[in-house]
Amino acid sequence: MSMSNEVYTEIEASIARREPIALATVAQTRGSTPRKAGAKMVVRPDGSFFGTIGGGCGEAEVWQKAMEVLEDGTPTIVTVDLTEPVDGEDKICGGVMEIFVERIDPE
């Protein structure tokens, strides 16, 4: 089973539990990025998550925004700029990702 299928299974399970989730989807990429458009991550209200949009600081930024979207329900786009070196680490992908974050309610 592919990762995207597992993410959809997780969405269905959340709906069955009557639990809202935030769904982060890579909408657009420019340059070299760890994941391509269509990659998804589910964030649950307890802060746990499933799937990946690429890991690292970009994922933490998206996770933070997903928690806000769970609170207020307003969809948003997060721009993750991977062209800057991170804390002196050598993890430079050199690309930019646009990630669409939306809340999915069980109704």
N, C-alpha and C. Protein backbone atom coordinates (compact mmCIF):
# COMPACT_ATOMS: atom_id res chain seq x y z
N MET A 1 0.85 -1.18 0.00
CA MET A 1 0.00 0.00 0.00
C MET A 1 0.89 1.24 0.00
N SER A 2 0.57 2.17 -0.88
CA SER A 2 1.39 3.38 -0.96
C SER A 2 1.10 4.30 0.21
N MET A 3 2.02 5.22 0.46
CA MET A 3 1.87 6.15 1.57
C MET A 3 0.59 6.96 1.43
N SER A 4 0.23 7.40 0.21
CA SER A 4 -0.97 8.22 0.06
C SER A 4 -2.21 7.41 0.44
N ASN A 5 -2.25 6.12 0.09
CA ASN A 5 -3.38 5.28 0.48
C ASN A 5 -3.46 5.16 2.00
N GLU A 6 -2.32 5.03 2.66
CA GLU A 6 -2.30 4.93 4.12
C GLU A 6 -2.81 6.22 4.74
N VAL A 7 -2.47 7.37 4.13
CA VAL A 7 -2.96 8.65 4.64
C VAL A 7 -4.48 8.70 4.53
N TYR A 8 -5.04 8.25 3.39
CA TYR A 8 -6.49 8.26 3.23
C TYR A 8 -7.15 7.31 4.24
N THR A 9 -6.52 6.19 4.52
CA THR A 9 -7.03 5.26 5.54
C THR A 9 -7.05 5.94 6.90
N GLU A 10 -6.01 6.71 7.19
CA GLU A 10 -5.94 7.45 8.45
C GLU A 10 -7.03 8.52 8.53
N ILE A 11 -7.32 9.19 7.42
CA ILE A 11 -8.39 10.18 7.38
C ILE A 11 -9.73 9.51 7.68
N GLU A 12 -9.98 8.36 7.05
CA GLU A 12 -11.22 7.62 7.28
C GLU A 12 -11.34 7.20 8.75
N ALA A 13 -10.23 6.76 9.34
CA ALA A 13 -10.23 6.33 10.74
C ALA A 13 -10.56 7.51 11.65
N SER A 14 -10.03 8.70 11.34
CA SER A 14 -10.31 9.89 12.14
C SER A 14 -11.78 10.26 12.06
N ILE A 15 -12.34 10.17 10.86
CA ILE A 15 -13.76 10.47 10.68
C ILE A 15 -14.60 9.47 11.47
N ALA A 16 -14.21 8.20 11.44
CA ALA A 16 -14.92 7.16 12.20
C ALA A 16 -14.86 7.44 13.70
N ARG A 17 -13.75 8.03 14.16
CA ARG A 17 -13.61 8.38 15.58
C ARG A 17 -14.27 9.72 15.89
N ARG A 18 -14.87 10.36 14.87
CA ARG A 18 -15.49 11.68 15.02
C ARG A 18 -14.48 12.71 15.48
N GLU A 19 -13.27 12.61 14.95
CA GLU A 19 -12.18 13.49 15.36
C GLU A 19 -11.75 14.34 14.17
N PRO A 20 -11.71 15.67 14.34
CA PRO A 20 -11.22 16.50 13.23
C PRO A 20 -9.72 16.29 13.06
N ILE A 21 -9.23 16.51 11.88
CA ILE A 21 -7.79 16.43 11.62
C ILE A 21 -7.40 17.60 10.73
N ALA A 22 -6.11 17.88 10.69
CA ALA A 22 -5.60 18.84 9.72
C ALA A 22 -4.86 18.02 8.66
N LEU A 23 -5.11 18.34 7.41
CA LEU A 23 -4.45 17.66 6.30
C LEU A 23 -3.53 18.66 5.61
N ALA A 24 -2.24 18.35 5.60
CA ALA A 24 -1.26 19.19 4.92
C ALA A 24 -0.86 18.49 3.62
N THR A 25 -1.00 19.19 2.51
CA THR A 25 -0.69 18.62 1.20
C THR A 25 0.31 19.53 0.49
N VAL A 26 1.39 18.94 -0.02
CA VAL A 26 2.34 19.72 -0.81
C VAL A 26 1.62 20.10 -2.10
N ALA A 27 1.39 21.41 -2.29
CA ALA A 27 0.64 21.89 -3.44
C ALA A 27 1.56 22.18 -4.62
N GLN A 28 2.75 22.71 -4.32
CA GLN A 28 3.66 23.12 -5.39
C GLN A 28 5.09 23.07 -4.86
N THR A 29 6.01 22.71 -5.73
CA THR A 29 7.42 22.73 -5.34
C THR A 29 8.23 23.43 -6.42
N ARG A 30 9.30 24.08 -5.98
CA ARG A 30 10.26 24.68 -6.92
C ARG A 30 11.64 24.25 -6.46
N GLY A 31 12.48 23.85 -7.39
CA GLY A 31 13.83 23.43 -7.02
C GLY A 31 13.83 22.03 -6.42
N SER A 32 14.87 21.73 -5.66
CA SER A 32 15.05 20.41 -5.08
C SER A 32 14.35 20.34 -3.72
N THR A 33 13.35 19.47 -3.60
CA THR A 33 12.61 19.32 -2.34
C THR A 33 12.55 17.84 -1.98
N PRO A 34 12.41 17.53 -0.66
CA PRO A 34 12.40 16.12 -0.25
C PRO A 34 11.19 15.36 -0.75
N ARG A 35 10.04 16.04 -0.88
CA ARG A 35 8.83 15.39 -1.39
C ARG A 35 8.25 16.26 -2.50
N LYS A 36 7.51 15.63 -3.37
CA LYS A 36 6.93 16.36 -4.50
C LYS A 36 5.46 16.70 -4.22
N ALA A 37 4.86 17.47 -5.11
CA ALA A 37 3.45 17.85 -4.99
C ALA A 37 2.59 16.60 -4.80
N GLY A 38 1.63 16.70 -3.90
CA GLY A 38 0.74 15.59 -3.61
C GLY A 38 1.10 14.85 -2.33
N ALA A 39 2.32 15.02 -1.83
CA ALA A 39 2.71 14.38 -0.56
C ALA A 39 1.82 14.95 0.55
N LYS A 40 1.39 14.07 1.47
CA LYS A 40 0.43 14.48 2.49
C LYS A 40 0.87 14.10 3.90
N MET A 41 0.40 14.90 4.86
CA MET A 41 0.63 14.62 6.27
C MET A 41 -0.66 14.94 7.01
N VAL A 42 -1.10 14.02 7.87
CA VAL A 42 -2.27 14.22 8.72
C VAL A 42 -1.79 14.61 10.10
N VAL A 43 -2.37 15.67 10.68
CA VAL A 43 -2.04 16.07 12.05
C VAL A 43 -3.31 15.96 12.89
N ARG A 44 -3.19 15.22 14.00
CA ARG A 44 -4.34 15.00 14.88
C ARG A 44 -4.38 16.08 15.98
N PRO A 45 -5.55 16.27 16.60
CA PRO A 45 -5.68 17.29 17.65
C PRO A 45 -4.70 17.10 18.82
N ASP A 46 -4.28 15.86 19.08
CA ASP A 46 -3.34 15.63 20.19
C ASP A 46 -1.90 15.93 19.80
N GLY A 47 -1.70 16.36 18.54
CA GLY A 47 -0.36 16.73 18.09
C GLY A 47 0.37 15.61 17.39
N SER A 48 -0.15 14.38 17.48
CA SER A 48 0.49 13.29 16.76
C SER A 48 0.21 13.46 15.27
N PHE A 49 1.04 12.86 14.43
CA PHE A 49 0.83 13.02 13.00
C PHE A 49 1.16 11.73 12.25
N PHE A 50 0.75 11.68 11.01
CA PHE A 50 0.90 10.49 10.18
C PHE A 50 1.25 10.96 8.78
N GLY A 51 2.19 10.26 8.15
CA GLY A 51 2.62 10.66 6.81
C GLY A 51 3.72 11.71 6.94
N THR A 52 4.22 12.16 5.80
CA THR A 52 5.30 13.15 5.83
C THR A 52 5.25 14.05 4.61
N ILE A 53 5.66 15.28 4.83
CA ILE A 53 5.82 16.19 3.70
C ILE A 53 7.30 16.51 3.52
N GLY A 54 8.15 15.76 4.20
CA GLY A 54 9.58 15.92 3.95
C GLY A 54 10.48 15.98 5.17
N GLY A 55 9.90 16.07 6.36
CA GLY A 55 10.73 16.05 7.57
C GLY A 55 11.43 17.36 7.86
N GLY A 56 12.17 17.38 8.95
CA GLY A 56 12.99 18.53 9.30
C GLY A 56 12.21 19.74 9.76
N CYS A 57 12.87 20.90 9.66
CA CYS A 57 12.29 22.14 10.18
C CYS A 57 11.04 22.53 9.41
N GLY A 58 11.01 22.25 8.12
CA GLY A 58 9.83 22.58 7.32
C GLY A 58 8.61 21.85 7.84
N GLU A 59 8.79 20.59 8.20
CA GLU A 59 7.68 19.80 8.71
C GLU A 59 7.21 20.35 10.06
N ALA A 60 8.15 20.78 10.90
CA ALA A 60 7.80 21.36 12.20
C ALA A 60 6.97 22.64 12.02
N GLU A 61 7.37 23.44 11.04
CA GLU A 61 6.65 24.68 10.73
C GLU A 61 5.22 24.38 10.28
N VAL A 62 5.09 23.37 9.42
CA VAL A 62 3.77 22.98 8.91
C VAL A 62 2.94 22.37 10.04
N TRP A 63 3.57 21.57 10.90
CA TRP A 63 2.87 20.98 12.05
C TRP A 63 2.28 22.09 12.92
N GLN A 64 3.08 23.11 13.21
CA GLN A 64 2.63 24.24 14.03
C GLN A 64 1.41 24.91 13.40
N LYS A 65 1.49 25.14 12.10
CA LYS A 65 0.38 25.78 11.38
C LYS A 65 -0.85 24.87 11.38
N ALA A 66 -0.64 23.56 11.25
CA ALA A 66 -1.75 22.60 11.26
C ALA A 66 -2.49 22.64 12.60
N MET A 67 -1.75 22.80 13.70
CA MET A 67 -2.38 22.90 15.02
C MET A 67 -3.26 24.16 15.08
N GLU A 68 -2.80 25.25 14.47
CA GLU A 68 -3.59 26.48 14.43
C GLU A 68 -4.85 26.29 13.58
N VAL A 69 -4.70 25.60 12.44
CA VAL A 69 -5.84 25.35 11.55
C VAL A 69 -6.87 24.47 12.28
N LEU A 70 -6.41 23.51 13.07
CA LEU A 70 -7.33 22.69 13.86
C LEU A 70 -8.12 23.56 14.84
N GLU A 71 -7.47 24.59 15.39
CA GLU A 71 -8.13 25.50 16.33
C GLU A 71 -9.19 26.36 15.65
N ASP A 72 -8.79 27.04 14.56
CA ASP A 72 -9.71 28.04 14.00
C ASP A 72 -10.40 27.62 12.71
N GLY A 73 -9.98 26.51 12.11
CA GLY A 73 -10.66 25.99 10.93
C GLY A 73 -10.37 26.73 9.64
N THR A 74 -9.49 27.73 9.68
CA THR A 74 -9.21 28.51 8.47
C THR A 74 -8.09 27.87 7.66
N PRO A 75 -8.39 27.43 6.42
CA PRO A 75 -7.34 26.84 5.59
C PRO A 75 -6.24 27.87 5.31
N THR A 76 -5.04 27.41 5.12
CA THR A 76 -3.92 28.32 4.89
C THR A 76 -2.88 27.67 4.00
N ILE A 77 -1.99 28.48 3.48
CA ILE A 77 -0.86 27.96 2.70
C ILE A 77 0.42 28.33 3.44
N VAL A 78 1.26 27.34 3.66
CA VAL A 78 2.55 27.57 4.32
C VAL A 78 3.64 27.46 3.26
N THR A 79 4.50 28.47 3.18
CA THR A 79 5.64 28.42 2.27
C THR A 79 6.85 27.95 3.07
N VAL A 80 7.42 26.83 2.68
CA VAL A 80 8.60 26.30 3.35
C VAL A 80 9.79 26.53 2.43
N ASP A 81 10.70 27.39 2.88
CA ASP A 81 11.87 27.74 2.09
C ASP A 81 13.04 26.87 2.54
N LEU A 82 13.46 25.97 1.69
CA LEU A 82 14.55 25.04 2.01
C LEU A 82 15.89 25.49 1.43
N THR A 83 15.94 26.77 1.03
CA THR A 83 17.18 27.26 0.42
C THR A 83 18.15 27.77 1.48
N GLU A 84 17.67 27.96 2.70
CA GLU A 84 18.53 28.45 3.78
C GLU A 84 19.12 27.29 4.56
N PRO A 85 20.40 27.34 4.93
CA PRO A 85 20.96 26.29 5.78
C PRO A 85 20.28 26.31 7.15
N VAL A 86 20.08 25.13 7.74
CA VAL A 86 19.37 25.01 9.01
C VAL A 86 20.35 24.82 10.15
N ASP A 87 20.44 25.78 11.05
CA ASP A 87 21.26 25.66 12.26
C ASP A 87 22.65 25.08 11.99
N GLY A 88 23.27 25.51 10.91
CA GLY A 88 24.61 25.04 10.61
C GLY A 88 24.68 23.61 10.10
N GLU A 89 23.52 22.95 9.98
CA GLU A 89 23.53 21.59 9.44
C GLU A 89 23.70 21.66 7.93
N ASP A 90 24.05 20.54 7.35
CA ASP A 90 24.27 20.50 5.90
C ASP A 90 23.04 20.00 5.15
N LYS A 91 21.88 20.09 5.78
CA LYS A 91 20.65 19.58 5.14
C LYS A 91 20.03 20.66 4.27
N ILE A 92 20.65 20.97 3.18
CA ILE A 92 20.10 21.98 2.27
C ILE A 92 19.54 21.29 1.04
N CYS A 93 18.22 21.40 0.86
CA CYS A 93 17.61 20.84 -0.34
C CYS A 93 17.66 21.84 -1.48
N GLY A 94 17.51 23.12 -1.13
CA GLY A 94 17.61 24.15 -2.15
C GLY A 94 16.32 24.50 -2.85
N GLY A 95 15.18 23.99 -2.35
CA GLY A 95 13.91 24.27 -3.01
C GLY A 95 12.93 24.99 -2.10
N VAL A 96 11.76 25.26 -2.66
CA VAL A 96 10.68 25.90 -1.92
C VAL A 96 9.43 25.06 -2.12
N MET A 97 8.70 24.82 -1.02
CA MET A 97 7.45 24.07 -1.10
C MET A 97 6.30 24.94 -0.62
N GLU A 98 5.19 24.86 -1.34
CA GLU A 98 3.94 25.51 -0.90
C GLU A 98 3.07 24.37 -0.36
N ILE A 99 2.64 24.49 0.90
CA ILE A 99 1.85 23.42 1.52
C ILE A 99 0.50 23.96 1.92
N PHE A 100 -0.55 23.31 1.40
CA PHE A 100 -1.92 23.69 1.71
C PHE A 100 -2.35 22.92 2.95
N VAL A 101 -2.83 23.65 3.98
CA VAL A 101 -3.25 23.02 5.23
C VAL A 101 -4.72 23.32 5.44
N GLU A 102 -5.52 22.24 5.62
CA GLU A 102 -6.97 22.41 5.80
C GLU A 102 -7.44 21.49 6.92
N ARG A 103 -8.53 21.91 7.56
CA ARG A 103 -9.14 21.05 8.58
C ARG A 103 -10.21 20.20 7.93
N ILE A 104 -10.24 18.93 8.30
CA ILE A 104 -11.28 18.02 7.82
C ILE A 104 -12.08 17.60 9.04
N ASP A 105 -13.37 17.97 9.02
CA ASP A 105 -14.25 17.66 10.13
C ASP A 105 -15.02 16.37 9.86
N PRO A 106 -15.40 15.65 10.92
CA PRO A 106 -16.07 14.36 10.74
C PRO A 106 -17.49 14.44 10.19
N GLU A 107 -18.10 15.62 10.20
CA GLU A 107 -19.48 15.73 9.70
C GLU A 107 -19.56 15.35 8.24
